[in-house]
Amino acid sequence: MLEIVLNFLFPPVCIVCGKIDKNWICKKCQKKVYKYLKSRIILKNSNKLTCHKTIEYLNFRLASINKKYFSKKYDRLLYIFEYKNIIRKLIIDYKFNDKAYINNFFSNEILKNKSICDILKRYDIIISVPLSRKKLMTRGYNQTDLIAKKVAKQLNIKYNQDLLLKVKDTKMQSSLTKLDRKNNIFGAFEFNFKYNISRKKCNIIR
């Protein structure tokens, strides 16, 4: 009921041109955005990009990946959009320009894909990468939290908002070099040990 009232007072608008559209993107702008819609997966110990319509790890920011990003905890990475041009602008607007409603578009792109949802349902828990308290207060919302929460609710998967804790405030990754980015987040996150997730499969949306 609340959602109906909010949609009446603040009708959904196209995330690109701002025209009212219940799908959060009009058909004209959809063509522009879908040019960069690519579900691709990189397997561990492989430099090849393989088209794939399943999802085990979402990363809307990653433009290029290689083996150095892998650890024994992850055996594959996947991104669904190429991080450039209009997609890059949308993500920047979503994160830094107070356009939280853009989460609806990214969430819907996950939820309307049956292959993606079938894979997500295999997981016990969905979690998101946390922000520091300072950044959360400044930004007003955690962009990954909004997506993860909506996806988990629609697929009836347990969602845990504080399984990961950010214990150190960091600089903006986008302003740093690749090496500095790695050093920047070192020691920034901790596992919340009040939860026991042994033998649980977790999906991280970031």
C-alpha atoms as a PDB file:
ATOM      1  CA  MET A   1       0.000   0.000   0.000  1.00  0.00           C
ATOM      2  CA  LEU A   2       2.800   2.386   0.929  1.00  0.00           C
ATOM      3  CA  GLU A   3       4.524   1.741  -2.393  1.00  0.00           C
ATOM      4  CA  ILE A   4       1.303   2.579  -4.277  1.00  0.00           C
ATOM      5  CA  VAL A   5       0.969   5.865  -2.413  1.00  0.00           C
ATOM      6  CA  LEU A   6       4.618   6.780  -3.005  1.00  0.00           C
ATOM      7  CA  ASN A   7       4.339   5.968  -6.711  1.00  0.00           C
ATOM      8  CA  PHE A   8       1.312   8.243  -6.916  1.00  0.00           C
ATOM      9  CA  LEU A   9       3.034  11.124  -5.150  1.00  0.00           C
ATOM     10  CA  PHE A  10       6.425  10.488  -6.750  1.00  0.00           C
ATOM     11  CA  PRO A  11       5.797   8.612 -10.007  1.00  0.00           C
ATOM     12  CA  PRO A  12       8.656   6.517 -11.435  1.00  0.00           C
ATOM     13  CA  VAL A  13      10.743   8.384 -13.988  1.00  0.00           C
ATOM     14  CA  CYS A  14      13.187   7.262 -16.650  1.00  0.00           C
ATOM     15  CA  ILE A  15      16.646   7.153 -15.115  1.00  0.00           C
ATOM     16  CA  VAL A  16      18.126   8.749 -18.236  1.00  0.00           C
ATOM     17  CA  CYS A  17      15.756  11.410 -19.574  1.00  0.00           C
ATOM     18  CA  GLY A  18      13.518  11.953 -16.527  1.00  0.00           C
ATOM     19  CA  LYS A  19      10.190  11.289 -18.265  1.00  0.00           C
ATOM     20  CA  ILE A  20       7.543   9.425 -16.273  1.00  0.00           C
ATOM     21  CA  ASP A  21       7.815   5.698 -16.938  1.00  0.00           C
ATOM     22  CA  LYS A  22       6.673   2.830 -14.723  1.00  0.00           C
ATOM     23  CA  ASN A  23       9.629   0.688 -15.802  1.00  0.00           C
ATOM     24  CA  TRP A  24      12.171   3.307 -14.682  1.00  0.00           C
ATOM     25  CA  ILE A  25      13.491   3.599 -18.221  1.00  0.00           C
ATOM     26  CA  CYS A  26      11.678   4.616 -21.413  1.00  0.00           C
ATOM     27  CA  LYS A  27      11.965   2.590 -24.613  1.00  0.00           C
ATOM     28  CA  LYS A  28      14.071   5.243 -26.320  1.00  0.00           C
ATOM     29  CA  CYS A  29      16.633   5.395 -23.524  1.00  0.00           C
ATOM     30  CA  GLN A  30      16.509   1.640 -23.034  1.00  0.00           C
ATOM     31  CA  LYS A  31      18.129   1.187 -26.440  1.00  0.00           C
ATOM     32  CA  LYS A  32      21.009   3.429 -25.391  1.00  0.00           C
ATOM     33  CA  VAL A  33      21.532   1.616 -22.105  1.00  0.00           C
ATOM     34  CA  TYR A  34      21.132  -1.919 -23.434  1.00  0.00           C
ATOM     35  CA  LYS A  35      24.074  -1.435 -25.767  1.00  0.00           C
ATOM     36  CA  TYR A  36      26.179  -2.086 -22.660  1.00  0.00           C
ATOM     37  CA  LEU A  37      24.096  -4.913 -21.193  1.00  0.00           C
ATOM     38  CA  LYS A  38      26.443  -7.901 -21.101  1.00  0.00           C
ATOM     39  CA  SER A  39      26.401 -10.812 -18.694  1.00  0.00           C
ATOM     40  CA  ARG A  40      29.946 -12.070 -18.656  1.00  0.00           C
ATOM     41  CA  ILE A  41      31.817 -14.338 -16.357  1.00  0.00           C
ATOM     42  CA  ILE A  42      35.504 -14.907 -15.676  1.00  0.00           C
ATOM     43  CA  LEU A  43      36.491 -18.268 -14.276  1.00  0.00           C
ATOM     44  CA  LYS A  44      39.432 -18.705 -11.952  1.00  0.00           C
ATOM     45  CA  ASN A  45      42.728 -19.478 -13.702  1.00  0.00           C
ATOM     46  CA  SER A  46      41.370 -18.166 -16.991  1.00  0.00           C
ATOM     47  CA  ASN A  47      41.830 -14.879 -18.824  1.00  0.00           C
ATOM     48  CA  LYS A  48      38.905 -15.549 -21.137  1.00  0.00           C
ATOM     49  CA  LEU A  49      35.600 -13.718 -20.893  1.00  0.00           C
ATOM     50  CA  THR A  50      32.688 -16.106 -21.322  1.00  0.00           C
ATOM     51  CA  CYS A  51      29.151 -14.928 -22.023  1.00  0.00           C
ATOM     52  CA  HIS A  52      26.927 -16.275 -19.289  1.00  0.00           C
ATOM     53  CA  LYS A  53      23.432 -15.609 -18.007  1.00  0.00           C
ATOM     54  CA  THR A  54      23.991 -16.728 -14.447  1.00  0.00           C
ATOM     55  CA  ILE A  55      25.241 -14.648 -11.596  1.00  0.00           C
ATOM     56  CA  GLU A  56      27.338 -15.515  -8.572  1.00  0.00           C
ATOM     57  CA  TYR A  57      28.991 -12.195  -7.928  1.00  0.00           C
ATOM     58  CA  LEU A  58      27.685  -8.866  -9.105  1.00  0.00           C
ATOM     59  CA  ASN A  59      30.005  -5.960  -9.726  1.00  0.00           C
ATOM     60  CA  PHE A  60      28.530  -2.907 -11.434  1.00  0.00           C
ATOM     61  CA  ARG A  61      31.785  -0.937 -11.164  1.00  0.00           C
ATOM     62  CA  LEU A  62      34.297  -3.368 -12.585  1.00  0.00           C
ATOM     63  CA  ALA A  63      35.518  -2.497 -16.054  1.00  0.00           C
ATOM     64  CA  SER A  64      38.250  -5.111 -16.363  1.00  0.00           C
ATOM     65  CA  ILE A  65      39.214  -8.129 -14.285  1.00  0.00           C
ATOM     66  CA  ASN A  66      42.200 -10.441 -14.134  1.00  0.00           C
ATOM     67  CA  LYS A  67      43.456 -13.249 -11.951  1.00  0.00           C
ATOM     68  CA  LYS A  68      44.823 -11.019  -9.210  1.00  0.00           C
ATOM     69  CA  TYR A  69      41.250 -10.342  -8.024  1.00  0.00           C
ATOM     70  CA  PHE A  70      40.654 -14.000  -7.210  1.00  0.00           C
ATOM     71  CA  SER A  71      41.200 -15.763  -3.931  1.00  0.00           C
ATOM     72  CA  LYS A  72      40.385 -19.226  -2.659  1.00  0.00           C
ATOM     73  CA  LYS A  73      37.052 -17.825  -1.468  1.00  0.00           C
ATOM     74  CA  TYR A  74      35.855 -16.919  -4.971  1.00  0.00           C
ATOM     75  CA  ASP A  75      36.096 -18.989  -8.093  1.00  0.00           C
ATOM     76  CA  ARG A  76      34.341 -16.641 -10.494  1.00  0.00           C
ATOM     77  CA  LEU A  77      33.409 -13.012 -11.011  1.00  0.00           C
ATOM     78  CA  LEU A  78      30.655 -11.588 -13.148  1.00  0.00           C
ATOM     79  CA  TYR A  79      29.470  -8.177 -14.258  1.00  0.00           C
ATOM     80  CA  ILE A  80      26.259  -7.418 -16.122  1.00  0.00           C
ATOM     81  CA  PHE A  81      27.075  -4.013 -17.630  1.00  0.00           C
ATOM     82  CA  GLU A  82      30.158  -2.599 -19.240  1.00  0.00           C
ATOM     83  CA  TYR A  83      31.345   0.241 -17.066  1.00  0.00           C
ATOM     84  CA  LYS A  84      31.572   3.021 -19.625  1.00  0.00           C
ATOM     85  CA  ASN A  85      29.663   5.893 -21.235  1.00  0.00           C
ATOM     86  CA  ILE A  86      26.017   6.025 -20.165  1.00  0.00           C
ATOM     87  CA  ILE A  87      26.382   3.163 -17.652  1.00  0.00           C
ATOM     88  CA  ARG A  88      29.296   4.897 -15.965  1.00  0.00           C
ATOM     89  CA  LYS A  89      27.271   8.104 -15.712  1.00  0.00           C
ATOM     90  CA  LEU A  90      24.279   6.278 -14.233  1.00  0.00           C
ATOM     91  CA  ILE A  91      26.409   4.586 -11.597  1.00  0.00           C
ATOM     92  CA  ILE A  92      28.082   7.855 -10.633  1.00  0.00           C
ATOM     93  CA  ASP A  93      24.666   9.542 -10.391  1.00  0.00           C
ATOM     94  CA  TYR A  94      23.375   6.648  -8.330  1.00  0.00           C
ATOM     95  CA  LYS A  95      26.256   6.691  -5.891  1.00  0.00           C
ATOM     96  CA  PHE A  96      27.147  10.350  -5.544  1.00  0.00           C
ATOM     97  CA  ASN A  97      24.373  12.553  -6.925  1.00  0.00           C
ATOM     98  CA  ASP A  98      21.471  11.675  -4.634  1.00  0.00           C
ATOM     99  CA  LYS A  99      19.611   9.542  -7.201  1.00  0.00           C
ATOM    100  CA  ALA A 100      18.760   6.534  -5.069  1.00  0.00           C
ATOM    101  CA  TYR A 101      15.800   5.678  -7.310  1.00  0.00           C
ATOM    102  CA  ILE A 102      18.229   4.343  -9.937  1.00  0.00           C
ATOM    103  CA  ASN A 103      18.469   1.224  -7.783  1.00  0.00           C
ATOM    104  CA  ASN A 104      15.093   0.178  -9.180  1.00  0.00           C
ATOM    105  CA  PHE A 105      16.521  -0.160 -12.669  1.00  0.00           C
ATOM    106  CA  PHE A 106      19.513  -2.272 -11.644  1.00  0.00           C
ATOM    107  CA  SER A 107      17.361  -4.422  -9.346  1.00  0.00           C
ATOM    108  CA  ASN A 108      14.821  -5.017 -12.088  1.00  0.00           C
ATOM    109  CA  GLU A 109      17.550  -6.061 -14.522  1.00  0.00           C
ATOM    110  CA  ILE A 110      18.468  -8.834 -12.108  1.00  0.00           C
ATOM    111  CA  LEU A 111      14.955  -9.883 -11.184  1.00  0.00           C
ATOM    112  CA  LYS A 112      13.542 -10.126 -14.695  1.00  0.00           C
ATOM    113  CA  ASN A 113      16.263 -12.531 -15.791  1.00  0.00           C
ATOM    114  CA  LYS A 114      15.121 -16.070 -14.932  1.00  0.00           C
ATOM    115  CA  SER A 115      18.571 -17.583 -15.356  1.00  0.00           C
ATOM    116  CA  ILE A 116      20.040 -15.070 -12.934  1.00  0.00           C
ATOM    117  CA  CYS A 117      17.305 -15.600 -10.369  1.00  0.00           C
ATOM    118  CA  ASP A 118      17.628 -19.382 -10.532  1.00  0.00           C
ATOM    119  CA  ILE A 119      21.269 -19.077  -9.544  1.00  0.00           C
ATOM    120  CA  LEU A 120      20.620 -16.543  -6.789  1.00  0.00           C
ATOM    121  CA  LYS A 121      18.059 -18.881  -5.219  1.00  0.00           C
ATOM    122  CA  ARG A 122      20.830 -21.392  -4.577  1.00  0.00           C
ATOM    123  CA  TYR A 123      22.358 -19.051  -2.010  1.00  0.00           C
ATOM    124  CA  ASP A 124      21.447 -19.012   1.664  1.00  0.00           C
ATOM    125  CA  ILE A 125      22.221 -15.354   2.290  1.00  0.00           C
ATOM    126  CA  ILE A 126      22.562 -12.171   0.267  1.00  0.00           C
ATOM    127  CA  ILE A 127      24.790  -9.451   1.662  1.00  0.00           C
ATOM    128  CA  SER A 128      26.016  -6.068   0.474  1.00  0.00           C
ATOM    129  CA  VAL A 129      29.294  -4.239   0.937  1.00  0.00           C
ATOM    130  CA  PRO A 130      28.857  -1.732   3.788  1.00  0.00           C
ATOM    131  CA  LEU A 131      29.727   1.942   3.894  1.00  0.00           C
ATOM    132  CA  SER A 132      31.441   3.629   6.791  1.00  0.00           C
ATOM    133  CA  ARG A 133      29.145   5.522   9.139  1.00  0.00           C
ATOM    134  CA  LYS A 134      30.590   8.813   7.935  1.00  0.00           C
ATOM    135  CA  LYS A 135      29.943   8.067   4.259  1.00  0.00           C
ATOM    136  CA  LEU A 136      26.497   6.688   4.993  1.00  0.00           C
ATOM    137  CA  MET A 137      25.520   9.891   6.786  1.00  0.00           C
ATOM    138  CA  THR A 138      26.899  12.012   3.951  1.00  0.00           C
ATOM    139  CA  ARG A 139      25.357  10.014   1.121  1.00  0.00           C
ATOM    140  CA  GLY A 140      22.118   9.155   2.912  1.00  0.00           C
ATOM    141  CA  TYR A 141      21.974   5.571   1.612  1.00  0.00           C
ATOM    142  CA  ASN A 142      24.144   2.605   0.708  1.00  0.00           C
ATOM    143  CA  GLN A 143      23.691   1.995  -3.013  1.00  0.00           C
ATOM    144  CA  THR A 144      24.493  -1.732  -2.840  1.00  0.00           C
ATOM    145  CA  ASP A 145      22.241  -2.186   0.170  1.00  0.00           C
ATOM    146  CA  LEU A 146      19.197  -0.917  -1.743  1.00  0.00           C
ATOM    147  CA  ILE A 147      19.746  -3.397  -4.571  1.00  0.00           C
ATOM    148  CA  ALA A 148      20.588  -6.353  -2.344  1.00  0.00           C
ATOM    149  CA  LYS A 149      17.594  -5.779  -0.088  1.00  0.00           C
ATOM    150  CA  LYS A 150      15.128  -5.614  -2.972  1.00  0.00           C
ATOM    151  CA  VAL A 151      16.539  -8.665  -4.736  1.00  0.00           C
ATOM    152  CA  ALA A 152      16.551 -10.718  -1.533  1.00  0.00           C
ATOM    153  CA  LYS A 153      12.958  -9.779  -0.726  1.00  0.00           C
ATOM    154  CA  GLN A 154      11.626 -10.607  -4.179  1.00  0.00           C
ATOM    155  CA  LEU A 155      13.433 -13.963  -4.284  1.00  0.00           C
ATOM    156  CA  ASN A 156      12.642 -14.811  -0.660  1.00  0.00           C
ATOM    157  CA  ILE A 157      16.297 -15.141   0.314  1.00  0.00           C
ATOM    158  CA  LYS A 158      17.624 -14.154   3.717  1.00  0.00           C
ATOM    159  CA  TYR A 159      19.261 -10.737   3.677  1.00  0.00           C
ATOM    160  CA  ASN A 160      21.814  -9.673   6.265  1.00  0.00           C
ATOM    161  CA  GLN A 161      22.728  -5.995   6.391  1.00  0.00           C
ATOM    162  CA  ASP A 162      25.484  -6.163   8.984  1.00  0.00           C
ATOM    163  CA  LEU A 163      27.247  -9.448   8.330  1.00  0.00           C
ATOM    164  CA  LEU A 164      30.144  -7.364   7.019  1.00  0.00           C
ATOM    165  CA  LEU A 165      31.289  -4.279   8.909  1.00  0.00           C
ATOM    166  CA  LYS A 166      33.327  -1.396   7.575  1.00  0.00           C
ATOM    167  CA  VAL A 167      35.621  -0.425  10.402  1.00  0.00           C
ATOM    168  CA  LYS A 168      37.814   2.110   8.638  1.00  0.00           C
ATOM    169  CA  ASP A 169      36.823   5.148   6.628  1.00  0.00           C
ATOM    170  CA  THR A 170      38.538   5.095   3.245  1.00  0.00           C
ATOM    171  CA  LYS A 171      39.200   7.480   0.401  1.00  0.00           C
ATOM    172  CA  MET A 172      37.076   7.356  -2.746  1.00  0.00           C
ATOM    173  CA  GLN A 173      38.335   4.441  -4.827  1.00  0.00           C
ATOM    174  CA  SER A 174      37.609   6.273  -8.077  1.00  0.00           C
ATOM    175  CA  SER A 175      40.216   8.909  -7.215  1.00  0.00           C
ATOM    176  CA  LEU A 176      43.033   6.414  -6.686  1.00  0.00           C
ATOM    177  CA  THR A 177      45.372   4.320  -8.795  1.00  0.00           C
ATOM    178  CA  LYS A 178      44.966   0.533  -8.956  1.00  0.00           C
ATOM    179  CA  LEU A 179      47.721  -0.023  -6.410  1.00  0.00           C
ATOM    180  CA  ASP A 180      46.416   2.674  -4.087  1.00  0.00           C
ATOM    181  CA  ARG A 181      42.911   1.185  -4.262  1.00  0.00           C
ATOM    182  CA  LYS A 182      44.183  -2.111  -2.917  1.00  0.00           C
ATOM    183  CA  ASN A 183      46.037  -0.402  -0.071  1.00  0.00           C
ATOM    184  CA  ASN A 184      43.087   1.882   0.588  1.00  0.00           C
ATOM    185  CA  ILE A 185      40.693  -0.935   1.502  1.00  0.00           C
ATOM    186  CA  PHE A 186      43.226  -3.080   3.360  1.00  0.00           C
ATOM    187  CA  GLY A 187      41.838  -3.701   6.836  1.00  0.00           C
ATOM    188  CA  ALA A 188      38.695  -1.692   6.115  1.00  0.00           C
ATOM    189  CA  PHE A 189      36.257  -4.580   6.517  1.00  0.00           C
ATOM    190  CA  GLU A 190      35.604  -7.095   9.265  1.00  0.00           C
ATOM    191  CA  PHE A 191      33.280 -10.050   9.620  1.00  0.00           C
ATOM    192  CA  ASN A 192      30.610  -9.694  12.293  1.00  0.00           C
ATOM    193  CA  PHE A 193      31.352 -12.719  14.478  1.00  0.00           C
ATOM    194  CA  LYS A 194      28.005 -12.649  16.230  1.00  0.00           C
ATOM    195  CA  TYR A 195      26.709 -14.500  13.165  1.00  0.00           C
ATOM    196  CA  ASN A 196      27.475 -18.102  12.393  1.00  0.00           C
ATOM    197  CA  ILE A 197      27.413 -18.755   8.657  1.00  0.00           C
ATOM    198  CA  SER A 198      29.434 -21.948   8.551  1.00  0.00           C
ATOM    199  CA  ARG A 199      28.349 -24.117   5.607  1.00  0.00           C
ATOM    200  CA  LYS A 200      26.298 -21.230   4.252  1.00  0.00           C
ATOM    201  CA  LYS A 201      26.620 -19.919   0.726  1.00  0.00           C
ATOM    202  CA  CYS A 202      26.698 -16.138   0.571  1.00  0.00           C
ATOM    203  CA  ASN A 203      26.177 -13.884  -2.429  1.00  0.00           C
ATOM    204  CA  ILE A 204      27.787 -10.447  -2.303  1.00  0.00           C
ATOM    205  CA  ILE A 205      26.287  -7.554  -4.228  1.00  0.00           C
ATOM    206  CA  ARG A 206      28.592  -4.598  -4.510  1.00  0.00           C
END
